[in-house]
Amino acid sequence: MNPRKWNCRWWVRPVNRRKRQQGFLNNLFREIKSNDHEEFFTYTRLCPEQYRTLLELVTPYLRKRSMRKPLSPDTRLAITLTYLAQGDSVVTKHLEYRVGRSTVYKIVPEVYHAIWLVLQPIVLPVLNAEKWKKISEEFFLKWQFPNCVGALLDGRHMEIQAPPCSGSQFYNYKGYFRIVLMVLCDANYKFTWVILVNMVN
């Protein structure tokens, strides 16, 4: 029984070589970003100004050095945001943006990490005793609920693909693998704490 051989036919697929002329980023994406803000928001869940701000923040984390010309931070961010906003598959993004499938698989977690690094201190800063006390006072003033530092929302089951060798660790009674998202909100419904947990049945 011979192992199946895989022959590499191209360094870059011919269809991907035309990304500058026919790729989604250099054509439709730039057009809707400039001329149709409503459609751009539908596609990325950000308005163009928010997109530019986020791009400026993550660019230092997304610059790559390579012998060949690497994908720009703009391309990397666009692929990831449209992947998240549309719920598409990696195959769809690979064809739209004319980049390798394995490249998309690599880009998405890198951009997730960069977004977390730049936005976590802004959106979910670590709270000190003074900030917790202020939240408690707001709960009392707004809701007449004393000594409360947050409203815990019910856990949300997020469906995942089971990690290798995890057995039934991530399996739940609803019949799928999952992790649980739990959040704490202040008196104004703003998230103050977020955690992903694996609750064993």
Protein backbone atom coordinates (compact mmCIF):
# COMPACT_ATOMS: atom_id res chain seq x y z
CA MET A 1 0.00 0.00 0.00
CA ASN A 2 1.70 3.16 -1.21
CA PRO A 3 1.10 6.46 0.55
CA ARG A 4 -0.75 8.91 -1.63
CA LYS A 5 1.60 11.44 -3.19
CA TRP A 6 0.70 15.09 -3.33
CA ASN A 7 2.35 17.09 -6.08
CA CYS A 8 2.71 20.82 -5.71
CA ARG A 9 1.70 22.24 -9.07
CA TRP A 10 2.10 25.97 -8.38
CA TRP A 11 3.95 28.27 -6.04
CA VAL A 12 0.99 30.64 -6.41
CA ARG A 13 -2.21 29.51 -8.10
CA PRO A 14 -2.74 31.32 -11.42
CA VAL A 15 -6.11 32.67 -10.28
CA ASN A 16 -4.43 34.26 -7.22
CA ARG A 17 -1.82 36.04 -9.35
CA ARG A 18 -4.51 38.39 -10.66
CA LYS A 19 -5.61 39.67 -7.25
CA ARG A 20 -4.50 43.24 -8.00
CA GLN A 21 -6.55 43.46 -11.18
CA GLN A 22 -9.53 41.27 -10.26
CA GLY A 23 -9.42 40.65 -6.52
CA PHE A 24 -12.27 41.77 -4.29
CA LEU A 25 -10.16 44.16 -2.17
CA ASN A 26 -8.88 46.29 -5.04
CA ASN A 27 -12.23 46.48 -6.76
CA LEU A 28 -15.58 46.17 -4.99
CA PHE A 29 -14.29 46.53 -1.41
CA ARG A 30 -12.57 49.87 -2.11
CA GLU A 31 -15.57 51.09 -4.11
CA ILE A 32 -18.14 50.43 -1.38
CA LYS A 33 -15.71 51.81 1.23
CA SER A 34 -15.55 55.10 -0.71
CA ASN A 35 -19.05 55.40 -2.15
CA ASP A 36 -21.55 53.21 -0.29
CA HIS A 37 -21.07 53.39 3.48
CA GLU A 38 -24.29 51.53 4.20
CA GLU A 39 -23.19 48.53 2.12
CA PHE A 40 -19.70 48.73 3.64
CA PHE A 41 -21.23 48.55 7.13
CA THR A 42 -23.34 45.55 6.09
CA TYR A 43 -20.25 43.80 4.79
CA THR A 44 -17.79 44.55 7.65
CA ARG A 45 -20.02 45.69 10.55
CA LEU A 46 -17.92 48.88 10.72
CA CYS A 47 -18.32 52.27 9.09
CA PRO A 48 -15.32 53.36 6.95
CA GLU A 49 -14.02 55.72 9.65
CA GLN A 50 -14.07 52.96 12.28
CA TYR A 51 -12.35 50.66 9.79
CA ARG A 52 -9.57 53.21 9.19
CA THR A 53 -9.11 53.72 12.94
CA LEU A 54 -8.91 49.98 13.60
CA LEU A 55 -6.49 49.57 10.68
CA GLU A 56 -4.19 52.25 12.15
CA LEU A 57 -4.25 50.50 15.52
CA VAL A 58 -3.52 46.97 14.25
CA THR A 59 -1.07 47.82 11.44
CA PRO A 60 2.08 47.55 13.64
CA TYR A 61 1.02 44.01 14.62
CA LEU A 62 0.16 42.91 11.08
CA ARG A 63 3.22 44.04 9.13
CA LYS A 64 5.17 41.10 7.76
CA ARG A 65 8.64 40.83 6.27
CA SER A 66 9.14 38.32 3.53
CA MET A 67 11.26 37.61 0.46
CA ARG A 68 8.06 37.87 -1.56
CA LYS A 69 5.67 40.79 -1.20
CA PRO A 70 3.51 40.03 1.87
CA LEU A 71 -0.18 40.81 2.13
CA SER A 72 -0.82 44.31 3.41
CA PRO A 73 -2.36 44.92 6.86
CA ASP A 74 -5.38 46.35 4.98
CA THR A 75 -5.90 43.04 3.15
CA ARG A 76 -5.44 41.01 6.33
CA LEU A 77 -7.95 43.12 8.27
CA ALA A 78 -10.48 43.12 5.42
CA ILE A 79 -10.34 39.33 5.09
CA THR A 80 -10.83 38.82 8.84
CA LEU A 81 -13.63 41.36 9.30
CA THR A 82 -15.61 40.11 6.33
CA TYR A 83 -15.05 36.52 7.51
CA LEU A 84 -16.49 37.45 10.92
CA ALA A 85 -19.28 39.70 9.68
CA GLN A 86 -20.55 37.40 6.94
CA GLY A 87 -20.01 34.06 8.65
CA ASP A 88 -18.49 32.81 5.40
CA SER A 89 -16.15 29.89 4.95
CA VAL A 90 -12.42 30.16 4.47
CA VAL A 91 -12.91 28.90 0.91
CA THR A 92 -15.15 31.88 0.11
CA LYS A 93 -12.59 34.37 1.45
CA HIS A 94 -9.75 32.63 -0.37
CA LEU A 95 -11.62 32.96 -3.67
CA GLU A 96 -12.90 36.51 -3.09
CA TYR A 97 -9.53 37.95 -2.10
CA ARG A 98 -7.48 35.63 -4.34
CA VAL A 99 -5.11 34.45 -1.64
CA GLY A 100 -4.22 30.90 -0.68
CA ARG A 101 -6.62 28.91 1.46
CA SER A 102 -3.89 28.13 4.00
CA THR A 103 -3.04 31.84 4.05
CA VAL A 104 -6.59 32.70 5.12
CA TYR A 105 -6.42 30.03 7.84
CA LYS A 106 -3.23 31.67 9.10
CA ILE A 107 -4.37 35.30 8.77
CA VAL A 108 -7.63 35.08 10.71
CA PRO A 109 -6.16 34.08 14.13
CA GLU A 110 -3.26 36.53 13.69
CA VAL A 111 -5.69 39.40 13.14
CA TYR A 112 -7.91 38.23 16.03
CA HIS A 113 -4.87 38.42 18.28
CA ALA A 114 -3.87 41.88 16.99
CA ILE A 115 -7.42 43.21 17.50
CA TRP A 116 -7.43 41.83 21.05
CA LEU A 117 -4.05 43.42 21.84
CA VAL A 118 -5.12 46.89 20.70
CA LEU A 119 -8.77 46.95 21.80
CA GLN A 120 -8.73 45.05 25.11
CA PRO A 121 -7.12 47.92 27.09
CA ILE A 122 -9.64 50.36 25.58
CA VAL A 123 -12.84 48.30 25.60
CA LEU A 124 -12.28 45.97 28.59
CA PRO A 125 -9.69 47.62 30.85
CA VAL A 126 -8.73 45.94 34.11
CA LEU A 127 -10.90 47.49 36.82
CA ASN A 128 -9.40 48.65 40.10
CA ALA A 129 -11.18 49.08 43.46
CA GLU A 130 -12.13 52.68 42.70
CA LYS A 131 -13.85 51.75 39.42
CA TRP A 132 -15.72 48.84 41.07
CA LYS A 133 -16.94 51.26 43.77
CA LYS A 134 -18.15 53.70 41.10
CA ILE A 135 -20.07 50.89 39.35
CA SER A 136 -21.66 49.96 42.69
CA GLU A 137 -22.74 53.57 43.25
CA GLU A 138 -24.24 53.74 39.74
CA PHE A 139 -26.24 50.58 40.41
CA PHE A 140 -27.63 52.10 43.58
CA LEU A 141 -28.43 55.50 42.01
CA LYS A 142 -29.95 54.13 38.82
CA TRP A 143 -31.59 50.90 40.00
CA GLN A 144 -31.77 51.25 43.82
CA PHE A 145 -29.75 48.06 44.09
CA PRO A 146 -27.10 48.39 46.83
CA ASN A 147 -23.69 46.68 46.96
CA CYS A 148 -23.88 45.44 43.36
CA VAL A 149 -20.83 45.59 41.08
CA GLY A 150 -22.41 44.00 38.03
CA ALA A 151 -25.26 42.12 36.47
CA LEU A 152 -24.21 38.64 35.36
CA LEU A 153 -25.89 37.68 32.15
CA ASP A 154 -26.72 34.06 31.53
CA GLY A 155 -24.02 31.98 29.88
CA ARG A 156 -24.23 31.76 26.10
CA HIS A 157 -23.22 28.43 24.55
CA MET A 158 -20.92 29.06 21.57
CA GLU A 159 -20.72 26.11 19.18
CA ILE A 160 -17.16 25.02 18.33
CA GLN A 161 -15.37 22.22 16.53
CA ALA A 162 -14.10 19.77 19.14
CA PRO A 163 -10.38 20.18 19.88
CA PRO A 164 -8.26 17.09 19.17
CA CYS A 165 -8.20 14.45 21.95
CA SER A 166 -10.78 16.34 24.04
CA GLY A 167 -13.28 13.47 24.20
CA SER A 168 -16.57 14.69 25.63
CA GLN A 169 -15.02 17.59 27.54
CA PHE A 170 -16.64 20.27 25.35
CA TYR A 171 -19.83 18.31 24.56
CA ASN A 172 -23.13 19.55 25.99
CA TYR A 173 -26.61 18.15 26.49
CA LYS A 174 -27.90 19.98 23.39
CA GLY A 175 -25.86 17.66 21.20
CA TYR A 176 -22.90 19.77 20.07
CA PHE A 177 -19.44 20.84 21.22
CA ARG A 178 -19.27 24.26 22.84
CA ILE A 179 -17.63 26.75 25.15
CA VAL A 180 -19.64 29.12 27.34
CA LEU A 181 -19.42 32.91 27.10
CA MET A 182 -20.23 34.75 30.33
CA VAL A 183 -20.27 38.53 30.76
CA LEU A 184 -20.75 41.05 33.54
CA CYS A 185 -22.39 44.42 32.83
CA ASP A 186 -22.43 47.71 34.70
CA ALA A 187 -25.54 49.78 35.48
CA ASN A 188 -25.51 51.19 31.93
CA TYR A 189 -25.47 47.76 30.21
CA LYS A 190 -21.79 48.07 29.26
CA PHE A 191 -19.58 44.98 29.49
CA THR A 192 -17.06 45.19 32.31
CA TRP A 193 -15.89 41.58 32.34
CA VAL A 194 -15.94 38.79 29.75
CA ILE A 195 -14.83 35.19 30.12
CA LEU A 196 -14.98 32.07 27.98
CA VAL A 197 -15.28 28.93 30.06
CA ASN A 198 -15.49 25.22 29.46
CA MET A 199 -18.10 23.87 31.84
CA VAL A 200 -17.84 20.12 32.18
CA ASN A 201 -21.31 18.52 32.19
